[in-house]
N, C-alpha and C. Protein backbone atom coordinates (compact mmCIF):
# COMPACT_ATOMS: atom_id res chain seq x y z
N MET A 1 -16.62 -35.74 37.49
CA MET A 1 -16.06 -36.57 36.65
C MET A 1 -16.53 -36.84 35.55
N THR A 2 -15.89 -36.87 34.27
CA THR A 2 -16.13 -37.54 33.17
C THR A 2 -15.75 -38.61 32.53
N VAL A 3 -16.91 -39.76 31.59
CA VAL A 3 -16.89 -40.71 31.43
C VAL A 3 -15.92 -40.69 29.88
N PRO A 4 -14.67 -41.39 29.67
CA PRO A 4 -14.28 -41.23 28.36
C PRO A 4 -15.45 -41.77 27.04
N GLY A 5 -15.11 -41.00 26.29
CA GLY A 5 -16.17 -41.33 25.49
C GLY A 5 -17.80 -41.02 25.31
N ALA A 6 -18.03 -40.15 26.53
CA ALA A 6 -19.26 -39.71 26.58
C ALA A 6 -19.24 -37.89 26.21
N GLU A 7 -20.46 -37.66 25.76
CA GLU A 7 -20.72 -36.53 24.93
C GLU A 7 -20.76 -35.34 25.91
N GLN A 8 -19.97 -34.62 25.90
CA GLN A 8 -20.14 -33.46 27.08
C GLN A 8 -21.32 -32.37 26.91
N PRO A 9 -21.90 -31.66 27.22
CA PRO A 9 -22.77 -30.68 26.71
C PRO A 9 -21.80 -29.51 26.22
N GLY A 10 -22.39 -29.42 24.82
CA GLY A 10 -21.80 -28.66 24.00
C GLY A 10 -21.17 -28.77 23.01
N GLU A 11 -20.72 -30.23 23.05
CA GLU A 11 -19.95 -30.55 22.17
C GLU A 11 -20.50 -31.58 20.95
N SER A 12 -20.26 -31.36 19.88
CA SER A 12 -20.82 -32.04 18.71
C SER A 12 -20.58 -33.69 18.50
N ALA A 13 -21.51 -34.41 18.39
CA ALA A 13 -21.53 -36.09 18.31
C ALA A 13 -19.81 -36.59 16.72
N ASP A 14 -19.75 -35.48 16.51
CA ASP A 14 -18.76 -36.00 15.17
C ASP A 14 -17.29 -35.84 15.89
N ARG A 15 -17.02 -35.46 16.51
CA ARG A 15 -15.29 -35.43 17.29
C ARG A 15 -15.38 -36.82 17.38
N SER A 16 -14.31 -37.08 17.24
CA SER A 16 -13.84 -38.34 17.56
C SER A 16 -12.31 -38.42 17.92
N VAL A 17 -11.63 -39.11 19.00
CA VAL A 17 -10.49 -39.15 19.42
C VAL A 17 -9.27 -39.98 18.80
N VAL A 18 -8.42 -39.83 18.26
CA VAL A 18 -7.52 -40.55 17.34
C VAL A 18 -6.28 -41.37 18.09
N ALA A 19 -5.74 -42.08 17.81
CA ALA A 19 -4.54 -42.89 18.35
C ALA A 19 -3.71 -41.95 18.95
N SER A 20 -3.37 -41.20 18.70
CA SER A 20 -2.37 -39.91 19.21
C SER A 20 -2.65 -39.09 20.53
N GLY A 21 -4.21 -39.23 20.44
CA GLY A 21 -4.73 -38.64 22.06
C GLY A 21 -5.19 -37.41 21.32
N ASP A 22 -5.35 -37.02 20.13
CA ASP A 22 -5.73 -35.62 19.68
C ASP A 22 -7.40 -35.71 19.79
N VAL A 23 -8.07 -34.73 19.78
CA VAL A 23 -9.18 -34.87 19.31
C VAL A 23 -9.50 -33.87 17.77
N THR A 24 -10.22 -34.62 16.98
CA THR A 24 -10.20 -34.04 15.97
C THR A 24 -11.72 -33.99 15.51
N GLY A 25 -12.38 -32.85 14.56
CA GLY A 25 -13.43 -33.12 14.28
C GLY A 25 -13.46 -33.84 12.50
N SER A 26 -12.61 -34.01 12.28
CA SER A 26 -12.43 -34.60 10.81
C SER A 26 -12.69 -36.34 10.81
N GLY A 27 -12.46 -37.05 12.08
CA GLY A 27 -12.14 -38.34 12.06
C GLY A 27 -11.01 -38.72 11.45
N GLU A 28 -9.86 -37.99 10.82
CA GLU A 28 -8.79 -38.19 10.40
C GLU A 28 -7.76 -39.11 11.54
N SER A 29 -6.91 -39.64 10.93
CA SER A 29 -6.39 -40.77 12.10
C SER A 29 -4.81 -39.97 12.48
N GLY A 30 -4.28 -38.71 11.97
CA GLY A 30 -3.71 -38.18 12.08
C GLY A 30 -2.38 -38.34 11.35
N ALA A 31 -2.48 -39.27 10.35
CA ALA A 31 -1.26 -39.40 9.40
C ALA A 31 -0.67 -38.32 8.53
N GLY A 32 -1.31 -37.39 8.47
CA GLY A 32 -1.22 -36.19 7.90
C GLY A 32 0.37 -35.50 8.03
N ASP A 33 1.09 -35.80 9.46
CA ASP A 33 2.03 -35.28 10.21
C ASP A 33 3.26 -35.45 9.41
N ALA A 34 3.60 -36.52 8.68
CA ALA A 34 4.67 -37.16 7.87
C ALA A 34 4.53 -36.20 6.36
N ALA A 35 3.10 -35.84 5.93
CA ALA A 35 3.12 -35.25 4.95
C ALA A 35 3.61 -33.78 4.92
N GLU A 36 3.37 -33.24 6.14
CA GLU A 36 3.78 -31.96 6.56
C GLU A 36 5.03 -31.74 6.96
N GLY A 37 5.79 -32.57 6.54
CA GLY A 37 7.40 -32.01 6.83
C GLY A 37 7.59 -32.79 8.46
N LYS A 38 7.29 -33.37 8.88
CA LYS A 38 7.56 -33.92 10.01
C LYS A 38 7.66 -35.45 10.00
N PRO A 39 8.64 -35.66 9.38
CA PRO A 39 8.64 -37.33 9.01
C PRO A 39 9.23 -38.52 10.68
N SER A 40 9.63 -37.24 11.40
CA SER A 40 9.92 -37.91 12.95
C SER A 40 8.87 -38.11 13.55
N GLY A 41 7.88 -37.31 13.64
CA GLY A 41 6.61 -37.61 14.34
C GLY A 41 7.00 -36.46 15.61
N LEU A 42 8.08 -35.62 15.55
CA LEU A 42 8.32 -34.77 16.81
C LEU A 42 7.93 -33.60 16.56
N ARG A 43 7.39 -32.59 17.41
CA ARG A 43 6.56 -31.60 17.16
C ARG A 43 7.44 -30.62 17.02
N ASN A 44 8.77 -30.64 17.35
CA ASN A 44 9.93 -29.84 16.90
C ASN A 44 11.14 -30.59 16.59
N PRO A 45 11.23 -31.37 15.61
CA PRO A 45 12.75 -31.98 15.41
C PRO A 45 13.74 -31.12 15.53
N GLY A 46 13.71 -30.07 14.96
CA GLY A 46 15.40 -29.59 14.91
C GLY A 46 15.61 -29.25 16.07
N GLY A 47 14.38 -28.52 17.41
CA GLY A 47 14.82 -28.32 18.68
C GLY A 47 15.51 -29.62 19.13
N ALA A 48 14.65 -30.82 18.60
CA ALA A 48 15.39 -31.80 19.63
C ALA A 48 16.60 -32.50 19.17
N VAL A 49 17.02 -32.48 17.83
CA VAL A 49 18.10 -32.40 17.38
C VAL A 49 19.48 -31.89 17.89
N ARG A 50 18.97 -29.95 18.12
CA ARG A 50 19.83 -29.53 18.90
C ARG A 50 20.43 -29.58 20.37
N GLY A 51 19.19 -29.97 21.00
CA GLY A 51 19.75 -30.71 22.24
C GLY A 51 20.10 -31.56 22.64
N VAL A 52 19.89 -32.63 21.64
CA VAL A 52 20.89 -33.74 21.88
C VAL A 52 22.66 -33.42 21.23
N GLY A 53 22.72 -32.58 20.10
CA GLY A 53 24.09 -32.07 20.01
C GLY A 53 24.75 -31.12 20.94
N ALA A 54 23.74 -30.34 21.63
CA ALA A 54 24.28 -29.67 22.78
C ALA A 54 24.56 -30.42 24.28
N GLY A 55 23.87 -31.57 24.37
CA GLY A 55 23.86 -32.50 25.59
C GLY A 55 25.10 -33.18 25.02
N CYS A 56 25.63 -33.59 24.10
CA CYS A 56 26.88 -34.12 23.64
C CYS A 56 28.35 -33.19 24.07
N LEU A 57 27.87 -31.97 23.64
CA LEU A 57 28.96 -30.86 23.83
C LEU A 57 29.18 -30.67 25.37
N VAL A 58 28.18 -30.47 26.00
CA VAL A 58 28.17 -29.89 26.98
C VAL A 58 28.83 -31.19 28.29
N ILE A 59 28.81 -32.47 27.72
CA ILE A 59 29.30 -33.40 28.49
C ILE A 59 30.76 -33.54 28.28
N GLU A 60 31.22 -33.35 26.75
CA GLU A 60 32.37 -33.43 26.51
C GLU A 60 33.35 -32.30 27.00
N GLY A 61 32.59 -30.97 27.25
CA GLY A 61 33.11 -30.23 28.15
C GLY A 61 33.65 -30.20 29.17
N ILE A 62 32.48 -30.83 29.95
CA ILE A 62 32.76 -31.35 31.19
C ILE A 62 34.04 -32.53 31.58
N VAL A 63 33.99 -33.13 30.86
CA VAL A 63 35.02 -34.11 30.70
C VAL A 63 36.28 -33.89 30.28
N LEU A 64 36.19 -32.90 29.46
CA LEU A 64 37.62 -32.15 29.11
C LEU A 64 38.29 -31.36 30.50
N LEU A 65 37.37 -30.74 31.02
CA LEU A 65 37.69 -29.89 32.20
C LEU A 65 38.24 -30.74 33.37
N LEU A 66 37.31 -32.02 33.86
CA LEU A 66 37.69 -32.92 34.95
C LEU A 66 38.67 -33.98 34.70
N ALA A 67 39.02 -33.74 33.18
CA ALA A 67 40.53 -34.67 33.12
C ALA A 67 41.45 -34.12 33.22
N ILE A 68 42.03 -32.96 33.25
CA ILE A 68 43.02 -32.23 33.53
C ILE A 68 43.91 -32.50 34.82
N GLN A 69 43.61 -32.51 35.91
CA GLN A 69 44.34 -33.02 36.89
C GLN A 69 44.36 -34.73 36.97
N PRO A 70 43.96 -35.64 36.46
CA PRO A 70 44.02 -36.75 36.22
C PRO A 70 45.17 -37.01 35.44
N ILE A 71 45.21 -36.60 34.56
CA ILE A 71 46.10 -36.16 33.55
C ILE A 71 47.43 -35.82 33.71
N ARG A 72 47.56 -34.79 34.44
CA ARG A 72 48.75 -33.95 35.22
C ARG A 72 49.42 -34.84 36.33
N ILE A 73 48.26 -35.72 37.13
CA ILE A 73 48.93 -36.11 37.89
C ILE A 73 49.54 -37.64 37.65
N MET A 74 49.10 -38.28 36.29
CA MET A 74 49.63 -39.50 35.61
C MET A 74 50.90 -39.27 35.03
N GLY A 75 51.63 -38.04 34.55
CA GLY A 75 52.60 -37.98 34.51
C GLY A 75 53.25 -37.29 33.06
N GLY A 76 52.07 -36.88 32.46
CA GLY A 76 51.70 -36.51 30.89
C GLY A 76 52.64 -35.32 30.91
N SER A 77 52.92 -34.99 29.78
CA SER A 77 53.53 -33.18 29.48
C SER A 77 52.09 -32.60 29.63
N LEU A 78 51.28 -32.35 30.32
CA LEU A 78 50.40 -31.38 29.95
C LEU A 78 50.48 -30.35 31.32
N GLN A 79 51.48 -29.36 30.72
CA GLN A 79 51.69 -28.49 31.78
C GLN A 79 51.52 -27.06 30.82
N GLY A 80 51.30 -25.95 31.73
CA GLY A 80 50.90 -24.85 30.98
C GLY A 80 50.25 -24.70 29.67
N LEU A 81 50.64 -24.72 28.90
CA LEU A 81 49.76 -24.61 27.50
C LEU A 81 49.15 -25.53 27.30
N GLY A 82 49.25 -26.71 27.51
CA GLY A 82 48.47 -27.81 27.71
C GLY A 82 47.01 -27.70 28.38
N VAL A 83 47.37 -27.11 29.70
CA VAL A 83 45.90 -27.16 30.37
C VAL A 83 45.33 -26.07 29.99
N TRP A 84 45.83 -25.24 29.15
CA TRP A 84 44.91 -23.83 28.59
C TRP A 84 44.21 -24.65 27.53
N VAL A 85 45.45 -25.24 26.56
CA VAL A 85 44.42 -25.96 25.30
C VAL A 85 43.04 -26.53 25.64
N MET A 86 43.01 -27.41 26.66
CA MET A 86 42.08 -28.12 27.45
C MET A 86 40.95 -27.19 27.49
N VAL A 87 41.45 -26.15 28.62
CA VAL A 87 40.31 -25.23 28.91
C VAL A 87 39.52 -24.99 27.90
N GLY A 88 40.51 -23.94 26.85
CA GLY A 88 39.98 -23.50 25.52
C GLY A 88 39.06 -24.54 24.83
N LEU A 89 39.30 -25.83 24.61
CA LEU A 89 38.30 -26.47 24.04
C LEU A 89 37.33 -26.72 24.99
N SER A 90 37.21 -27.21 26.06
CA SER A 90 36.20 -27.01 26.73
C SER A 90 35.13 -25.96 26.53
N VAL A 91 35.73 -24.62 26.52
CA VAL A 91 35.18 -23.47 26.45
C VAL A 91 34.38 -23.48 25.22
N LEU A 92 35.22 -24.16 24.14
CA LEU A 92 34.58 -23.80 22.90
C LEU A 92 33.35 -24.79 22.67
N CYS A 93 33.40 -25.83 23.25
CA CYS A 93 32.40 -26.99 23.49
C CYS A 93 30.93 -26.48 23.79
N PHE A 94 31.54 -25.48 25.10
CA PHE A 94 30.42 -24.51 25.94
C PHE A 94 29.66 -23.43 25.06
N LEU A 95 30.21 -22.82 24.16
CA LEU A 95 29.98 -22.14 23.35
C LEU A 95 29.15 -22.62 21.89
N LEU A 96 30.04 -23.70 21.45
CA LEU A 96 28.83 -23.94 20.22
C LEU A 96 27.78 -24.70 20.71
N CYS A 97 27.11 -24.72 21.81
CA CYS A 97 26.27 -25.45 22.12
C CYS A 97 24.92 -24.48 21.92
N GLY A 98 25.41 -22.98 21.99
CA GLY A 98 24.52 -22.16 21.74
C GLY A 98 23.84 -21.71 20.16
N LEU A 99 25.22 -22.24 19.22
CA LEU A 99 25.04 -21.77 17.93
C LEU A 99 25.09 -23.35 16.83
N LEU A 100 24.21 -24.16 17.61
CA LEU A 100 23.72 -25.10 16.98
C LEU A 100 22.52 -24.95 15.93
N ARG A 101 21.97 -23.48 16.11
CA ARG A 101 21.00 -23.71 15.21
C ARG A 101 21.45 -23.45 13.86
N HIS A 102 22.35 -23.02 13.69
CA HIS A 102 23.19 -22.28 12.49
C HIS A 102 23.76 -23.89 11.94
N ARG A 103 23.56 -24.07 10.46
CA ARG A 103 24.01 -24.88 10.11
C ARG A 103 25.80 -25.38 9.88
N TRP A 104 26.22 -23.93 9.84
CA TRP A 104 27.93 -24.17 10.09
C TRP A 104 28.22 -24.40 11.09
N ALA A 105 27.81 -24.63 12.50
CA ALA A 105 27.69 -24.63 13.64
C ALA A 105 28.04 -26.73 13.95
N TRP A 106 27.38 -27.14 13.15
CA TRP A 106 27.39 -28.36 13.30
C TRP A 106 28.97 -28.78 12.68
N HIS A 107 29.22 -28.19 11.18
CA HIS A 107 30.70 -28.57 10.87
C HIS A 107 31.67 -28.11 12.00
N VAL A 108 31.71 -26.80 12.49
CA VAL A 108 32.43 -26.69 13.80
C VAL A 108 32.29 -27.47 14.79
N GLY A 109 31.46 -28.41 14.97
CA GLY A 109 31.54 -29.57 16.08
C GLY A 109 32.42 -30.33 15.59
N THR A 110 32.38 -30.56 14.27
CA THR A 110 32.84 -31.99 13.82
C THR A 110 34.81 -31.36 13.71
N ALA A 111 35.06 -30.37 13.33
CA ALA A 111 36.38 -29.77 13.56
C ALA A 111 36.67 -29.65 15.06
N LEU A 112 35.97 -29.52 15.71
CA LEU A 112 36.10 -29.40 17.22
C LEU A 112 36.50 -30.88 17.40
N GLN A 113 36.23 -32.01 17.10
CA GLN A 113 36.20 -33.24 17.77
C GLN A 113 37.78 -33.35 17.05
N VAL A 114 38.40 -33.02 16.15
CA VAL A 114 39.28 -33.53 15.46
C VAL A 114 40.41 -32.67 16.32
N LEU A 115 40.18 -31.61 16.74
CA LEU A 115 41.08 -30.41 17.46
C LEU A 115 41.25 -31.08 18.95
N VAL A 116 40.15 -31.96 19.56
CA VAL A 116 40.36 -32.83 20.88
C VAL A 116 41.48 -33.96 20.67
N ILE A 117 41.19 -34.48 19.43
CA ILE A 117 42.54 -35.59 18.78
C ILE A 117 43.43 -35.31 18.70
N ALA A 118 43.53 -34.03 18.35
CA ALA A 118 45.00 -33.29 18.19
C ALA A 118 45.51 -33.08 19.54
N GLY A 119 44.92 -33.03 20.58
CA GLY A 119 45.26 -32.46 22.03
C GLY A 119 46.14 -33.60 22.32
N GLY A 120 45.97 -35.09 21.67
CA GLY A 120 46.85 -35.99 21.95
C GLY A 120 48.41 -35.97 21.75
N TYR A 121 48.69 -34.49 21.19
CA TYR A 121 50.27 -34.07 21.15
C TYR A 121 50.74 -33.70 22.69
N PHE A 122 49.99 -33.51 23.72
CA PHE A 122 50.21 -32.86 25.25
C PHE A 122 50.09 -34.38 25.99
N GLN A 123 49.13 -35.36 25.74
CA GLN A 123 48.82 -36.49 26.37
C GLN A 123 48.25 -37.36 25.69
N TRP A 124 48.18 -38.68 25.75
CA TRP A 124 47.33 -39.80 25.08
C TRP A 124 46.13 -40.01 25.31
N GLY A 125 45.92 -39.46 26.61
CA GLY A 125 44.54 -39.73 27.07
C GLY A 125 43.52 -38.75 26.38
N ILE A 126 43.89 -37.28 25.89
CA ILE A 126 42.95 -36.62 25.67
C ILE A 126 42.60 -36.86 24.05
N ALA A 127 43.84 -37.70 23.45
CA ALA A 127 43.50 -38.41 22.21
C ALA A 127 42.25 -39.31 22.35
N ALA A 128 42.16 -39.91 23.30
CA ALA A 128 41.59 -41.15 23.77
C ALA A 128 39.83 -40.59 23.61
N ILE A 129 39.79 -39.43 24.71
CA ILE A 129 38.74 -38.78 24.68
C ILE A 129 38.15 -38.23 23.54
N GLY A 130 39.11 -37.81 22.86
CA GLY A 130 38.63 -37.06 21.34
C GLY A 130 38.21 -38.33 20.50
N VAL A 131 38.84 -39.06 20.80
CA VAL A 131 38.29 -40.48 19.97
C VAL A 131 36.70 -40.88 20.33
N VAL A 132 36.53 -40.98 21.52
CA VAL A 132 35.33 -41.40 22.31
C VAL A 132 34.35 -40.06 21.84
N PHE A 133 34.63 -38.99 21.75
CA PHE A 133 33.41 -38.15 21.66
C PHE A 133 33.44 -37.92 20.01
N LEU A 134 34.33 -37.90 19.05
CA LEU A 134 33.94 -38.20 17.81
C LEU A 134 33.17 -39.33 17.55
N ALA A 135 33.34 -40.43 18.08
CA ALA A 135 32.19 -41.86 17.32
C ALA A 135 31.02 -41.01 18.05
N LEU A 136 30.72 -40.21 19.42
CA LEU A 136 29.74 -40.11 19.59
C LEU A 136 29.02 -38.68 19.01
N TRP A 137 29.67 -38.22 18.15
CA TRP A 137 29.66 -36.64 17.41
C TRP A 137 29.17 -37.38 16.35
N LEU A 138 29.62 -38.39 15.48
CA LEU A 138 28.96 -39.20 14.23
C LEU A 138 27.69 -39.48 14.58
N TYR A 139 27.54 -40.42 15.69
CA TYR A 139 26.63 -40.51 15.70
C TYR A 139 25.12 -39.87 15.88
N VAL A 140 25.36 -38.45 16.53
CA VAL A 140 24.60 -37.53 16.90
C VAL A 140 24.48 -37.02 15.37
N LEU A 141 25.20 -36.63 14.82
CA LEU A 141 25.25 -36.15 13.15
C LEU A 141 24.31 -37.15 12.40
N ASN A 142 24.17 -38.52 12.80
CA ASN A 142 23.59 -39.66 11.83
C ASN A 142 22.29 -39.45 12.32
N VAL A 143 21.99 -39.05 13.99
CA VAL A 143 20.48 -38.86 14.46
C VAL A 143 19.92 -37.77 13.61
N ARG A 144 20.50 -36.67 13.52
CA ARG A 144 20.60 -35.21 12.89
C ARG A 144 19.93 -35.62 11.56
N LYS A 145 20.32 -36.36 10.80
CA LYS A 145 20.45 -36.83 9.38
C LYS A 145 19.18 -37.52 9.29
N SER A 146 18.44 -38.48 10.08
CA SER A 146 17.47 -39.39 10.18
C SER A 146 16.49 -38.50 10.59
N VAL A 147 16.41 -37.78 11.55
CA VAL A 147 15.37 -37.19 12.04
C VAL A 147 15.07 -35.85 11.46
N LEU A 148 15.89 -35.16 10.46
CA LEU A 148 15.52 -34.06 9.87
C LEU A 148 15.59 -34.00 8.13
N GLY A 149 16.06 -35.34 8.03
CA GLY A 149 15.75 -35.89 6.73
C GLY A 149 17.07 -35.22 5.86
């Protein structure tokens, strides 16, 4: 068992533990991360933002699939074509998750939210789902902008 701060055999005494838990030989506080292009402090900010965007799209796809039957029972005009439109929109959500590494995919995600709102043509409940997820998507874009700069 080692005591924190005790020198181990073979280690030099000039090593220091910084606030982030890293051991450095230079005694710096680790504040150079912001100057190295990582203002958020994350190890992989692009991956973190893609994960948030993908999570939003996966949840949206699941909600769209789960909403089909209740909307049909509530007496909406969601028959045939409307069901296939909802299935297609949810498949687009799932496919777009893997494409978020491309800059254009974020714009397609915004267009997808508009298409879900346009699905209100078949039943107003679909438009309500679209408005909720548009607000969530705009928040994800705001997070992306603040993290990536």
